[in-house]
Amino acid sequence: GHEFRTPITSMLLLVEKLNKRFDKM
């Protein structure tokens, strides 16, 4: 649980960034 939290948090940030460009996909 501890080791997964860091990469999951990073992936959530990346998902949020990509989500801003969702309409251009």
PDBML (XML) file of the C-alpha atoms, coordinates in Angstrom:
<?xml version="1.0" encoding="UTF-8" ?>
<PDBx:datablock datablockName="MODEL"
   xmlns:PDBx="http://pdbml.pdb.org/schema/pdbx-v50.xsd"
   xmlns:xsi="http://www.w3.org/2001/XMLSchema-instance"
   xsi:schemaLocation="http://pdbml.pdb.org/schema/pdbx-v50.xsd pdbx-v50.xsd">
   <PDBx:atom_siteCategory>
      <PDBx:atom_site id="1">
         <PDBx:B_iso_or_equiv>0.00</PDBx:B_iso_or_equiv>
         <PDBx:Cartn_x>0.000</PDBx:Cartn_x>
         <PDBx:Cartn_y>0.000</PDBx:Cartn_y>
         <PDBx:Cartn_z>0.000</PDBx:Cartn_z>
         <PDBx:auth_asym_id>A</PDBx:auth_asym_id>
         <PDBx:auth_atom_id>CA</PDBx:auth_atom_id>
         <PDBx:auth_comp_id>GLY</PDBx:auth_comp_id>
         <PDBx:auth_seq_id>1</PDBx:auth_seq_id>
         <PDBx:group_PDB>ATOM</PDBx:group_PDB>
         <PDBx:label_alt_id xsi:nil="true" />
         <PDBx:label_asym_id>A</PDBx:label_asym_id>
         <PDBx:label_atom_id>CA</PDBx:label_atom_id>
         <PDBx:label_comp_id>GLY</PDBx:label_comp_id>
         <PDBx:label_entity_id>1</PDBx:label_entity_id>
         <PDBx:label_seq_id>1</PDBx:label_seq_id>
         <PDBx:occupancy>1.00</PDBx:occupancy>
         <PDBx:pdbx_PDB_model_num>1</PDBx:pdbx_PDB_model_num>
         <PDBx:type_symbol>C</PDBx:type_symbol>
      </PDBx:atom_site>
      <PDBx:atom_site id="2">
         <PDBx:B_iso_or_equiv>0.00</PDBx:B_iso_or_equiv>
         <PDBx:Cartn_x>2.814</PDBx:Cartn_x>
         <PDBx:Cartn_y>2.381</PDBx:Cartn_y>
         <PDBx:Cartn_z>0.856</PDBx:Cartn_z>
         <PDBx:auth_asym_id>A</PDBx:auth_asym_id>
         <PDBx:auth_atom_id>CA</PDBx:auth_atom_id>
         <PDBx:auth_comp_id>HIS</PDBx:auth_comp_id>
         <PDBx:auth_seq_id>2</PDBx:auth_seq_id>
         <PDBx:group_PDB>ATOM</PDBx:group_PDB>
         <PDBx:label_alt_id xsi:nil="true" />
         <PDBx:label_asym_id>A</PDBx:label_asym_id>
         <PDBx:label_atom_id>CA</PDBx:label_atom_id>
         <PDBx:label_comp_id>HIS</PDBx:label_comp_id>
         <PDBx:label_entity_id>1</PDBx:label_entity_id>
         <PDBx:label_seq_id>2</PDBx:label_seq_id>
         <PDBx:occupancy>1.00</PDBx:occupancy>
         <PDBx:pdbx_PDB_model_num>1</PDBx:pdbx_PDB_model_num>
         <PDBx:type_symbol>C</PDBx:type_symbol>
      </PDBx:atom_site>
      <PDBx:atom_site id="3">
         <PDBx:B_iso_or_equiv>0.00</PDBx:B_iso_or_equiv>
         <PDBx:Cartn_x>4.867</PDBx:Cartn_x>
         <PDBx:Cartn_y>1.640</PDBx:Cartn_y>
         <PDBx:Cartn_z>-2.257</PDBx:Cartn_z>
         <PDBx:auth_asym_id>A</PDBx:auth_asym_id>
         <PDBx:auth_atom_id>CA</PDBx:auth_atom_id>
         <PDBx:auth_comp_id>GLU</PDBx:auth_comp_id>
         <PDBx:auth_seq_id>3</PDBx:auth_seq_id>
         <PDBx:group_PDB>ATOM</PDBx:group_PDB>
         <PDBx:label_alt_id xsi:nil="true" />
         <PDBx:label_asym_id>A</PDBx:label_asym_id>
         <PDBx:label_atom_id>CA</PDBx:label_atom_id>
         <PDBx:label_comp_id>GLU</PDBx:label_comp_id>
         <PDBx:label_entity_id>1</PDBx:label_entity_id>
         <PDBx:label_seq_id>3</PDBx:label_seq_id>
         <PDBx:occupancy>1.00</PDBx:occupancy>
         <PDBx:pdbx_PDB_model_num>1</PDBx:pdbx_PDB_model_num>
         <PDBx:type_symbol>C</PDBx:type_symbol>
      </PDBx:atom_site>
      <PDBx:atom_site id="4">
         <PDBx:B_iso_or_equiv>0.00</PDBx:B_iso_or_equiv>
         <PDBx:Cartn_x>1.854</PDBx:Cartn_x>
         <PDBx:Cartn_y>1.897</PDBx:Cartn_y>
         <PDBx:Cartn_z>-4.564</PDBx:Cartn_z>
         <PDBx:auth_asym_id>A</PDBx:auth_asym_id>
         <PDBx:auth_atom_id>CA</PDBx:auth_atom_id>
         <PDBx:auth_comp_id>PHE</PDBx:auth_comp_id>
         <PDBx:auth_seq_id>4</PDBx:auth_seq_id>
         <PDBx:group_PDB>ATOM</PDBx:group_PDB>
         <PDBx:label_alt_id xsi:nil="true" />
         <PDBx:label_asym_id>A</PDBx:label_asym_id>
         <PDBx:label_atom_id>CA</PDBx:label_atom_id>
         <PDBx:label_comp_id>PHE</PDBx:label_comp_id>
         <PDBx:label_entity_id>1</PDBx:label_entity_id>
         <PDBx:label_seq_id>4</PDBx:label_seq_id>
         <PDBx:occupancy>1.00</PDBx:occupancy>
         <PDBx:pdbx_PDB_model_num>1</PDBx:pdbx_PDB_model_num>
         <PDBx:type_symbol>C</PDBx:type_symbol>
      </PDBx:atom_site>
      <PDBx:atom_site id="5">
         <PDBx:B_iso_or_equiv>0.00</PDBx:B_iso_or_equiv>
         <PDBx:Cartn_x>0.775</PDBx:Cartn_x>
         <PDBx:Cartn_y>5.314</PDBx:Cartn_y>
         <PDBx:Cartn_z>-3.274</PDBx:Cartn_z>
         <PDBx:auth_asym_id>A</PDBx:auth_asym_id>
         <PDBx:auth_atom_id>CA</PDBx:auth_atom_id>
         <PDBx:auth_comp_id>ARG</PDBx:auth_comp_id>
         <PDBx:auth_seq_id>5</PDBx:auth_seq_id>
         <PDBx:group_PDB>ATOM</PDBx:group_PDB>
         <PDBx:label_alt_id xsi:nil="true" />
         <PDBx:label_asym_id>A</PDBx:label_asym_id>
         <PDBx:label_atom_id>CA</PDBx:label_atom_id>
         <PDBx:label_comp_id>ARG</PDBx:label_comp_id>
         <PDBx:label_entity_id>1</PDBx:label_entity_id>
         <PDBx:label_seq_id>5</PDBx:label_seq_id>
         <PDBx:occupancy>1.00</PDBx:occupancy>
         <PDBx:pdbx_PDB_model_num>1</PDBx:pdbx_PDB_model_num>
         <PDBx:type_symbol>C</PDBx:type_symbol>
      </PDBx:atom_site>
      <PDBx:atom_site id="6">
         <PDBx:B_iso_or_equiv>0.00</PDBx:B_iso_or_equiv>
         <PDBx:Cartn_x>3.698</PDBx:Cartn_x>
         <PDBx:Cartn_y>7.228</PDBx:Cartn_y>
         <PDBx:Cartn_z>-4.826</PDBx:Cartn_z>
         <PDBx:auth_asym_id>A</PDBx:auth_asym_id>
         <PDBx:auth_atom_id>CA</PDBx:auth_atom_id>
         <PDBx:auth_comp_id>THR</PDBx:auth_comp_id>
         <PDBx:auth_seq_id>6</PDBx:auth_seq_id>
         <PDBx:group_PDB>ATOM</PDBx:group_PDB>
         <PDBx:label_alt_id xsi:nil="true" />
         <PDBx:label_asym_id>A</PDBx:label_asym_id>
         <PDBx:label_atom_id>CA</PDBx:label_atom_id>
         <PDBx:label_comp_id>THR</PDBx:label_comp_id>
         <PDBx:label_entity_id>1</PDBx:label_entity_id>
         <PDBx:label_seq_id>6</PDBx:label_seq_id>
         <PDBx:occupancy>1.00</PDBx:occupancy>
         <PDBx:pdbx_PDB_model_num>1</PDBx:pdbx_PDB_model_num>
         <PDBx:type_symbol>C</PDBx:type_symbol>
      </PDBx:atom_site>
      <PDBx:atom_site id="7">
         <PDBx:B_iso_or_equiv>0.00</PDBx:B_iso_or_equiv>
         <PDBx:Cartn_x>3.399</PDBx:Cartn_x>
         <PDBx:Cartn_y>5.914</PDBx:Cartn_y>
         <PDBx:Cartn_z>-8.414</PDBx:Cartn_z>
         <PDBx:auth_asym_id>A</PDBx:auth_asym_id>
         <PDBx:auth_atom_id>CA</PDBx:auth_atom_id>
         <PDBx:auth_comp_id>PRO</PDBx:auth_comp_id>
         <PDBx:auth_seq_id>7</PDBx:auth_seq_id>
         <PDBx:group_PDB>ATOM</PDBx:group_PDB>
         <PDBx:label_alt_id xsi:nil="true" />
         <PDBx:label_asym_id>A</PDBx:label_asym_id>
         <PDBx:label_atom_id>CA</PDBx:label_atom_id>
         <PDBx:label_comp_id>PRO</PDBx:label_comp_id>
         <PDBx:label_entity_id>1</PDBx:label_entity_id>
         <PDBx:label_seq_id>7</PDBx:label_seq_id>
         <PDBx:occupancy>1.00</PDBx:occupancy>
         <PDBx:pdbx_PDB_model_num>1</PDBx:pdbx_PDB_model_num>
         <PDBx:type_symbol>C</PDBx:type_symbol>
      </PDBx:atom_site>
      <PDBx:atom_site id="8">
         <PDBx:B_iso_or_equiv>0.00</PDBx:B_iso_or_equiv>
         <PDBx:Cartn_x>-0.395</PDBx:Cartn_x>
         <PDBx:Cartn_y>6.093</PDBx:Cartn_y>
         <PDBx:Cartn_z>-8.253</PDBx:Cartn_z>
         <PDBx:auth_asym_id>A</PDBx:auth_asym_id>
         <PDBx:auth_atom_id>CA</PDBx:auth_atom_id>
         <PDBx:auth_comp_id>ILE</PDBx:auth_comp_id>
         <PDBx:auth_seq_id>8</PDBx:auth_seq_id>
         <PDBx:group_PDB>ATOM</PDBx:group_PDB>
         <PDBx:label_alt_id xsi:nil="true" />
         <PDBx:label_asym_id>A</PDBx:label_asym_id>
         <PDBx:label_atom_id>CA</PDBx:label_atom_id>
         <PDBx:label_comp_id>ILE</PDBx:label_comp_id>
         <PDBx:label_entity_id>1</PDBx:label_entity_id>
         <PDBx:label_seq_id>8</PDBx:label_seq_id>
         <PDBx:occupancy>1.00</PDBx:occupancy>
         <PDBx:pdbx_PDB_model_num>1</PDBx:pdbx_PDB_model_num>
         <PDBx:type_symbol>C</PDBx:type_symbol>
      </PDBx:atom_site>
      <PDBx:atom_site id="9">
         <PDBx:B_iso_or_equiv>0.00</PDBx:B_iso_or_equiv>
         <PDBx:Cartn_x>-0.213</PDBx:Cartn_x>
         <PDBx:Cartn_y>9.734</PDBx:Cartn_y>
         <PDBx:Cartn_z>-7.180</PDBx:Cartn_z>
         <PDBx:auth_asym_id>A</PDBx:auth_asym_id>
         <PDBx:auth_atom_id>CA</PDBx:auth_atom_id>
         <PDBx:auth_comp_id>THR</PDBx:auth_comp_id>
         <PDBx:auth_seq_id>9</PDBx:auth_seq_id>
         <PDBx:group_PDB>ATOM</PDBx:group_PDB>
         <PDBx:label_alt_id xsi:nil="true" />
         <PDBx:label_asym_id>A</PDBx:label_asym_id>
         <PDBx:label_atom_id>CA</PDBx:label_atom_id>
         <PDBx:label_comp_id>THR</PDBx:label_comp_id>
         <PDBx:label_entity_id>1</PDBx:label_entity_id>
         <PDBx:label_seq_id>9</PDBx:label_seq_id>
         <PDBx:occupancy>1.00</PDBx:occupancy>
         <PDBx:pdbx_PDB_model_num>1</PDBx:pdbx_PDB_model_num>
         <PDBx:type_symbol>C</PDBx:type_symbol>
      </PDBx:atom_site>
      <PDBx:atom_site id="10">
         <PDBx:B_iso_or_equiv>0.00</PDBx:B_iso_or_equiv>
         <PDBx:Cartn_x>2.140</PDBx:Cartn_x>
         <PDBx:Cartn_y>10.436</PDBx:Cartn_y>
         <PDBx:Cartn_z>-10.080</PDBx:Cartn_z>
         <PDBx:auth_asym_id>A</PDBx:auth_asym_id>
         <PDBx:auth_atom_id>CA</PDBx:auth_atom_id>
         <PDBx:auth_comp_id>SER</PDBx:auth_comp_id>
         <PDBx:auth_seq_id>10</PDBx:auth_seq_id>
         <PDBx:group_PDB>ATOM</PDBx:group_PDB>
         <PDBx:label_alt_id xsi:nil="true" />
         <PDBx:label_asym_id>A</PDBx:label_asym_id>
         <PDBx:label_atom_id>CA</PDBx:label_atom_id>
         <PDBx:label_comp_id>SER</PDBx:label_comp_id>
         <PDBx:label_entity_id>1</PDBx:label_entity_id>
         <PDBx:label_seq_id>10</PDBx:label_seq_id>
         <PDBx:occupancy>1.00</PDBx:occupancy>
         <PDBx:pdbx_PDB_model_num>1</PDBx:pdbx_PDB_model_num>
         <PDBx:type_symbol>C</PDBx:type_symbol>
      </PDBx:atom_site>
      <PDBx:atom_site id="11">
         <PDBx:B_iso_or_equiv>0.00</PDBx:B_iso_or_equiv>
         <PDBx:Cartn_x>-0.167</PDBx:Cartn_x>
         <PDBx:Cartn_y>8.688</PDBx:Cartn_y>
         <PDBx:Cartn_z>-12.534</PDBx:Cartn_z>
         <PDBx:auth_asym_id>A</PDBx:auth_asym_id>
         <PDBx:auth_atom_id>CA</PDBx:auth_atom_id>
         <PDBx:auth_comp_id>MET</PDBx:auth_comp_id>
         <PDBx:auth_seq_id>11</PDBx:auth_seq_id>
         <PDBx:group_PDB>ATOM</PDBx:group_PDB>
         <PDBx:label_alt_id xsi:nil="true" />
         <PDBx:label_asym_id>A</PDBx:label_asym_id>
         <PDBx:label_atom_id>CA</PDBx:label_atom_id>
         <PDBx:label_comp_id>MET</PDBx:label_comp_id>
         <PDBx:label_entity_id>1</PDBx:label_entity_id>
         <PDBx:label_seq_id>11</PDBx:label_seq_id>
         <PDBx:occupancy>1.00</PDBx:occupancy>
         <PDBx:pdbx_PDB_model_num>1</PDBx:pdbx_PDB_model_num>
         <PDBx:type_symbol>C</PDBx:type_symbol>
      </PDBx:atom_site>
      <PDBx:atom_site id="12">
         <PDBx:B_iso_or_equiv>0.00</PDBx:B_iso_or_equiv>
         <PDBx:Cartn_x>-3.165</PDBx:Cartn_x>
         <PDBx:Cartn_y>10.672</PDBx:Cartn_y>
         <PDBx:Cartn_z>-11.224</PDBx:Cartn_z>
         <PDBx:auth_asym_id>A</PDBx:auth_asym_id>
         <PDBx:auth_atom_id>CA</PDBx:auth_atom_id>
         <PDBx:auth_comp_id>LEU</PDBx:auth_comp_id>
         <PDBx:auth_seq_id>12</PDBx:auth_seq_id>
         <PDBx:group_PDB>ATOM</PDBx:group_PDB>
         <PDBx:label_alt_id xsi:nil="true" />
         <PDBx:label_asym_id>A</PDBx:label_asym_id>
         <PDBx:label_atom_id>CA</PDBx:label_atom_id>
         <PDBx:label_comp_id>LEU</PDBx:label_comp_id>
         <PDBx:label_entity_id>1</PDBx:label_entity_id>
         <PDBx:label_seq_id>12</PDBx:label_seq_id>
         <PDBx:occupancy>1.00</PDBx:occupancy>
         <PDBx:pdbx_PDB_model_num>1</PDBx:pdbx_PDB_model_num>
         <PDBx:type_symbol>C</PDBx:type_symbol>
      </PDBx:atom_site>
      <PDBx:atom_site id="13">
         <PDBx:B_iso_or_equiv>0.00</PDBx:B_iso_or_equiv>
         <PDBx:Cartn_x>-1.276</PDBx:Cartn_x>
         <PDBx:Cartn_y>13.906</PDBx:Cartn_y>
         <PDBx:Cartn_z>-11.859</PDBx:Cartn_z>
         <PDBx:auth_asym_id>A</PDBx:auth_asym_id>
         <PDBx:auth_atom_id>CA</PDBx:auth_atom_id>
         <PDBx:auth_comp_id>LEU</PDBx:auth_comp_id>
         <PDBx:auth_seq_id>13</PDBx:auth_seq_id>
         <PDBx:group_PDB>ATOM</PDBx:group_PDB>
         <PDBx:label_alt_id xsi:nil="true" />
         <PDBx:label_asym_id>A</PDBx:label_asym_id>
         <PDBx:label_atom_id>CA</PDBx:label_atom_id>
         <PDBx:label_comp_id>LEU</PDBx:label_comp_id>
         <PDBx:label_entity_id>1</PDBx:label_entity_id>
         <PDBx:label_seq_id>13</PDBx:label_seq_id>
         <PDBx:occupancy>1.00</PDBx:occupancy>
         <PDBx:pdbx_PDB_model_num>1</PDBx:pdbx_PDB_model_num>
         <PDBx:type_symbol>C</PDBx:type_symbol>
      </PDBx:atom_site>
      <PDBx:atom_site id="14">
         <PDBx:B_iso_or_equiv>0.00</PDBx:B_iso_or_equiv>
         <PDBx:Cartn_x>-0.441</PDBx:Cartn_x>
         <PDBx:Cartn_y>12.759</PDBx:Cartn_y>
         <PDBx:Cartn_z>-15.375</PDBx:Cartn_z>
         <PDBx:auth_asym_id>A</PDBx:auth_asym_id>
         <PDBx:auth_atom_id>CA</PDBx:auth_atom_id>
         <PDBx:auth_comp_id>LEU</PDBx:auth_comp_id>
         <PDBx:auth_seq_id>14</PDBx:auth_seq_id>
         <PDBx:group_PDB>ATOM</PDBx:group_PDB>
         <PDBx:label_alt_id xsi:nil="true" />
         <PDBx:label_asym_id>A</PDBx:label_asym_id>
         <PDBx:label_atom_id>CA</PDBx:label_atom_id>
         <PDBx:label_comp_id>LEU</PDBx:label_comp_id>
         <PDBx:label_entity_id>1</PDBx:label_entity_id>
         <PDBx:label_seq_id>14</PDBx:label_seq_id>
         <PDBx:occupancy>1.00</PDBx:occupancy>
         <PDBx:pdbx_PDB_model_num>1</PDBx:pdbx_PDB_model_num>
         <PDBx:type_symbol>C</PDBx:type_symbol>
      </PDBx:atom_site>
      <PDBx:atom_site id="15">
         <PDBx:B_iso_or_equiv>0.00</PDBx:B_iso_or_equiv>
         <PDBx:Cartn_x>-4.070</PDBx:Cartn_x>
         <PDBx:Cartn_y>11.766</PDBx:Cartn_y>
         <PDBx:Cartn_z>-15.972</PDBx:Cartn_z>
         <PDBx:auth_asym_id>A</PDBx:auth_asym_id>
         <PDBx:auth_atom_id>CA</PDBx:auth_atom_id>
         <PDBx:auth_comp_id>VAL</PDBx:auth_comp_id>
         <PDBx:auth_seq_id>15</PDBx:auth_seq_id>
         <PDBx:group_PDB>ATOM</PDBx:group_PDB>
         <PDBx:label_alt_id xsi:nil="true" />
         <PDBx:label_asym_id>A</PDBx:label_asym_id>
         <PDBx:label_atom_id>CA</PDBx:label_atom_id>
         <PDBx:label_comp_id>VAL</PDBx:label_comp_id>
         <PDBx:label_entity_id>1</PDBx:label_entity_id>
         <PDBx:label_seq_id>15</PDBx:label_seq_id>
         <PDBx:occupancy>1.00</PDBx:occupancy>
         <PDBx:pdbx_PDB_model_num>1</PDBx:pdbx_PDB_model_num>
         <PDBx:type_symbol>C</PDBx:type_symbol>
      </PDBx:atom_site>
      <PDBx:atom_site id="16">
         <PDBx:B_iso_or_equiv>0.00</PDBx:B_iso_or_equiv>
         <PDBx:Cartn_x>-5.198</PDBx:Cartn_x>
         <PDBx:Cartn_y>15.215</PDBx:Cartn_y>
         <PDBx:Cartn_z>-14.837</PDBx:Cartn_z>
         <PDBx:auth_asym_id>A</PDBx:auth_asym_id>
         <PDBx:auth_atom_id>CA</PDBx:auth_atom_id>
         <PDBx:auth_comp_id>GLU</PDBx:auth_comp_id>
         <PDBx:auth_seq_id>16</PDBx:auth_seq_id>
         <PDBx:group_PDB>ATOM</PDBx:group_PDB>
         <PDBx:label_alt_id xsi:nil="true" />
         <PDBx:label_asym_id>A</PDBx:label_asym_id>
         <PDBx:label_atom_id>CA</PDBx:label_atom_id>
         <PDBx:label_comp_id>GLU</PDBx:label_comp_id>
         <PDBx:label_entity_id>1</PDBx:label_entity_id>
         <PDBx:label_seq_id>16</PDBx:label_seq_id>
         <PDBx:occupancy>1.00</PDBx:occupancy>
         <PDBx:pdbx_PDB_model_num>1</PDBx:pdbx_PDB_model_num>
         <PDBx:type_symbol>C</PDBx:type_symbol>
      </PDBx:atom_site>
      <PDBx:atom_site id="17">
         <PDBx:B_iso_or_equiv>0.00</PDBx:B_iso_or_equiv>
         <PDBx:Cartn_x>-2.734</PDBx:Cartn_x>
         <PDBx:Cartn_y>16.878</PDBx:Cartn_y>
         <PDBx:Cartn_z>-17.259</PDBx:Cartn_z>
         <PDBx:auth_asym_id>A</PDBx:auth_asym_id>
         <PDBx:auth_atom_id>CA</PDBx:auth_atom_id>
         <PDBx:auth_comp_id>LYS</PDBx:auth_comp_id>
         <PDBx:auth_seq_id>17</PDBx:auth_seq_id>
         <PDBx:group_PDB>ATOM</PDBx:group_PDB>
         <PDBx:label_alt_id xsi:nil="true" />
         <PDBx:label_asym_id>A</PDBx:label_asym_id>
         <PDBx:label_atom_id>CA</PDBx:label_atom_id>
         <PDBx:label_comp_id>LYS</PDBx:label_comp_id>
         <PDBx:label_entity_id>1</PDBx:label_entity_id>
         <PDBx:label_seq_id>17</PDBx:label_seq_id>
         <PDBx:occupancy>1.00</PDBx:occupancy>
         <PDBx:pdbx_PDB_model_num>1</PDBx:pdbx_PDB_model_num>
         <PDBx:type_symbol>C</PDBx:type_symbol>
      </PDBx:atom_site>
      <PDBx:atom_site id="18">
         <PDBx:B_iso_or_equiv>0.00</PDBx:B_iso_or_equiv>
         <PDBx:Cartn_x>-3.873</PDBx:Cartn_x>
         <PDBx:Cartn_y>14.715</PDBx:Cartn_y>
         <PDBx:Cartn_z>-20.148</PDBx:Cartn_z>
         <PDBx:auth_asym_id>A</PDBx:auth_asym_id>
         <PDBx:auth_atom_id>CA</PDBx:auth_atom_id>
         <PDBx:auth_comp_id>LEU</PDBx:auth_comp_id>
         <PDBx:auth_seq_id>18</PDBx:auth_seq_id>
         <PDBx:group_PDB>ATOM</PDBx:group_PDB>
         <PDBx:label_alt_id xsi:nil="true" />
         <PDBx:label_asym_id>A</PDBx:label_asym_id>
         <PDBx:label_atom_id>CA</PDBx:label_atom_id>
         <PDBx:label_comp_id>LEU</PDBx:label_comp_id>
         <PDBx:label_entity_id>1</PDBx:label_entity_id>
         <PDBx:label_seq_id>18</PDBx:label_seq_id>
         <PDBx:occupancy>1.00</PDBx:occupancy>
         <PDBx:pdbx_PDB_model_num>1</PDBx:pdbx_PDB_model_num>
         <PDBx:type_symbol>C</PDBx:type_symbol>
      </PDBx:atom_site>
      <PDBx:atom_site id="19">
         <PDBx:B_iso_or_equiv>0.00</PDBx:B_iso_or_equiv>
         <PDBx:Cartn_x>-7.492</PDBx:Cartn_x>
         <PDBx:Cartn_y>15.316</PDBx:Cartn_y>
         <PDBx:Cartn_z>-19.241</PDBx:Cartn_z>
         <PDBx:auth_asym_id>A</PDBx:auth_asym_id>
         <PDBx:auth_atom_id>CA</PDBx:auth_atom_id>
         <PDBx:auth_comp_id>ASN</PDBx:auth_comp_id>
         <PDBx:auth_seq_id>19</PDBx:auth_seq_id>
         <PDBx:group_PDB>ATOM</PDBx:group_PDB>
         <PDBx:label_alt_id xsi:nil="true" />
         <PDBx:label_asym_id>A</PDBx:label_asym_id>
         <PDBx:label_atom_id>CA</PDBx:label_atom_id>
         <PDBx:label_comp_id>ASN</PDBx:label_comp_id>
         <PDBx:label_entity_id>1</PDBx:label_entity_id>
         <PDBx:label_seq_id>19</PDBx:label_seq_id>
         <PDBx:occupancy>1.00</PDBx:occupancy>
         <PDBx:pdbx_PDB_model_num>1</PDBx:pdbx_PDB_model_num>
         <PDBx:type_symbol>C</PDBx:type_symbol>
      </PDBx:atom_site>
      <PDBx:atom_site id="20">
         <PDBx:B_iso_or_equiv>0.00</PDBx:B_iso_or_equiv>
         <PDBx:Cartn_x>-7.018</PDBx:Cartn_x>
         <PDBx:Cartn_y>19.020</PDBx:Cartn_y>
         <PDBx:Cartn_z>-19.973</PDBx:Cartn_z>
         <PDBx:auth_asym_id>A</PDBx:auth_asym_id>
         <PDBx:auth_atom_id>CA</PDBx:auth_atom_id>
         <PDBx:auth_comp_id>LYS</PDBx:auth_comp_id>
         <PDBx:auth_seq_id>20</PDBx:auth_seq_id>
         <PDBx:group_PDB>ATOM</PDBx:group_PDB>
         <PDBx:label_alt_id xsi:nil="true" />
         <PDBx:label_asym_id>A</PDBx:label_asym_id>
         <PDBx:label_atom_id>CA</PDBx:label_atom_id>
         <PDBx:label_comp_id>LYS</PDBx:label_comp_id>
         <PDBx:label_entity_id>1</PDBx:label_entity_id>
         <PDBx:label_seq_id>20</PDBx:label_seq_id>
         <PDBx:occupancy>1.00</PDBx:occupancy>
         <PDBx:pdbx_PDB_model_num>1</PDBx:pdbx_PDB_model_num>
         <PDBx:type_symbol>C</PDBx:type_symbol>
      </PDBx:atom_site>
      <PDBx:atom_site id="21">
         <PDBx:B_iso_or_equiv>0.00</PDBx:B_iso_or_equiv>
         <PDBx:Cartn_x>-6.218</PDBx:Cartn_x>
         <PDBx:Cartn_y>18.059</PDBx:Cartn_y>
         <PDBx:Cartn_z>-23.586</PDBx:Cartn_z>
         <PDBx:auth_asym_id>A</PDBx:auth_asym_id>
         <PDBx:auth_atom_id>CA</PDBx:auth_atom_id>
         <PDBx:auth_comp_id>ARG</PDBx:auth_comp_id>
         <PDBx:auth_seq_id>21</PDBx:auth_seq_id>
         <PDBx:group_PDB>ATOM</PDBx:group_PDB>
         <PDBx:label_alt_id xsi:nil="true" />
         <PDBx:label_asym_id>A</PDBx:label_asym_id>
         <PDBx:label_atom_id>CA</PDBx:label_atom_id>
         <PDBx:label_comp_id>ARG</PDBx:label_comp_id>
         <PDBx:label_entity_id>1</PDBx:label_entity_id>
         <PDBx:label_seq_id>21</PDBx:label_seq_id>
         <PDBx:occupancy>1.00</PDBx:occupancy>
         <PDBx:pdbx_PDB_model_num>1</PDBx:pdbx_PDB_model_num>
         <PDBx:type_symbol>C</PDBx:type_symbol>
      </PDBx:atom_site>
      <PDBx:atom_site id="22">
         <PDBx:B_iso_or_equiv>0.00</PDBx:B_iso_or_equiv>
         <PDBx:Cartn_x>-9.014</PDBx:Cartn_x>
         <PDBx:Cartn_y>15.508</PDBx:Cartn_y>
         <PDBx:Cartn_z>-23.827</PDBx:Cartn_z>
         <PDBx:auth_asym_id>A</PDBx:auth_asym_id>
         <PDBx:auth_atom_id>CA</PDBx:auth_atom_id>
         <PDBx:auth_comp_id>PHE</PDBx:auth_comp_id>
         <PDBx:auth_seq_id>22</PDBx:auth_seq_id>
         <PDBx:group_PDB>ATOM</PDBx:group_PDB>
         <PDBx:label_alt_id xsi:nil="true" />
         <PDBx:label_asym_id>A</PDBx:label_asym_id>
         <PDBx:label_atom_id>CA</PDBx:label_atom_id>
         <PDBx:label_comp_id>PHE</PDBx:label_comp_id>
         <PDBx:label_entity_id>1</PDBx:label_entity_id>
         <PDBx:label_seq_id>22</PDBx:label_seq_id>
         <PDBx:occupancy>1.00</PDBx:occupancy>
         <PDBx:pdbx_PDB_model_num>1</PDBx:pdbx_PDB_model_num>
         <PDBx:type_symbol>C</PDBx:type_symbol>
      </PDBx:atom_site>
      <PDBx:atom_site id="23">
         <PDBx:B_iso_or_equiv>0.00</PDBx:B_iso_or_equiv>
         <PDBx:Cartn_x>-10.921</PDBx:Cartn_x>
         <PDBx:Cartn_y>17.483</PDBx:Cartn_y>
         <PDBx:Cartn_z>-26.483</PDBx:Cartn_z>
         <PDBx:auth_asym_id>A</PDBx:auth_asym_id>
         <PDBx:auth_atom_id>CA</PDBx:auth_atom_id>
         <PDBx:auth_comp_id>ASP</PDBx:auth_comp_id>
         <PDBx:auth_seq_id>23</PDBx:auth_seq_id>
         <PDBx:group_PDB>ATOM</PDBx:group_PDB>
         <PDBx:label_alt_id xsi:nil="true" />
         <PDBx:label_asym_id>A</PDBx:label_asym_id>
         <PDBx:label_atom_id>CA</PDBx:label_atom_id>
         <PDBx:label_comp_id>ASP</PDBx:label_comp_id>
         <PDBx:label_entity_id>1</PDBx:label_entity_id>
         <PDBx:label_seq_id>23</PDBx:label_seq_id>
         <PDBx:occupancy>1.00</PDBx:occupancy>
         <PDBx:pdbx_PDB_model_num>1</PDBx:pdbx_PDB_model_num>
         <PDBx:type_symbol>C</PDBx:type_symbol>
      </PDBx:atom_site>
      <PDBx:atom_site id="24">
         <PDBx:B_iso_or_equiv>0.00</PDBx:B_iso_or_equiv>
         <PDBx:Cartn_x>-7.857</PDBx:Cartn_x>
         <PDBx:Cartn_y>17.496</PDBx:Cartn_y>
         <PDBx:Cartn_z>-28.777</PDBx:Cartn_z>
         <PDBx:auth_asym_id>A</PDBx:auth_asym_id>
         <PDBx:auth_atom_id>CA</PDBx:auth_atom_id>
         <PDBx:auth_comp_id>LYS</PDBx:auth_comp_id>
         <PDBx:auth_seq_id>24</PDBx:auth_seq_id>
         <PDBx:group_PDB>ATOM</PDBx:group_PDB>
         <PDBx:label_alt_id xsi:nil="true" />
         <PDBx:label_asym_id>A</PDBx:label_asym_id>
         <PDBx:label_atom_id>CA</PDBx:label_atom_id>
         <PDBx:label_comp_id>LYS</PDBx:label_comp_id>
         <PDBx:label_entity_id>1</PDBx:label_entity_id>
         <PDBx:label_seq_id>24</PDBx:label_seq_id>
         <PDBx:occupancy>1.00</PDBx:occupancy>
         <PDBx:pdbx_PDB_model_num>1</PDBx:pdbx_PDB_model_num>
         <PDBx:type_symbol>C</PDBx:type_symbol>
      </PDBx:atom_site>
      <PDBx:atom_site id="25">
         <PDBx:B_iso_or_equiv>0.00</PDBx:B_iso_or_equiv>
         <PDBx:Cartn_x>-7.483</PDBx:Cartn_x>
         <PDBx:Cartn_y>13.709</PDBx:Cartn_y>
         <PDBx:Cartn_z>-28.734</PDBx:Cartn_z>
         <PDBx:auth_asym_id>A</PDBx:auth_asym_id>
         <PDBx:auth_atom_id>CA</PDBx:auth_atom_id>
         <PDBx:auth_comp_id>MET</PDBx:auth_comp_id>
         <PDBx:auth_seq_id>25</PDBx:auth_seq_id>
         <PDBx:group_PDB>ATOM</PDBx:group_PDB>
         <PDBx:label_alt_id xsi:nil="true" />
         <PDBx:label_asym_id>A</PDBx:label_asym_id>
         <PDBx:label_atom_id>CA</PDBx:label_atom_id>
         <PDBx:label_comp_id>MET</PDBx:label_comp_id>
         <PDBx:label_entity_id>1</PDBx:label_entity_id>
         <PDBx:label_seq_id>25</PDBx:label_seq_id>
         <PDBx:occupancy>1.00</PDBx:occupancy>
         <PDBx:pdbx_PDB_model_num>1</PDBx:pdbx_PDB_model_num>
         <PDBx:type_symbol>C</PDBx:type_symbol>
      </PDBx:atom_site>
   </PDBx:atom_siteCategory>
</PDBx:datablock>
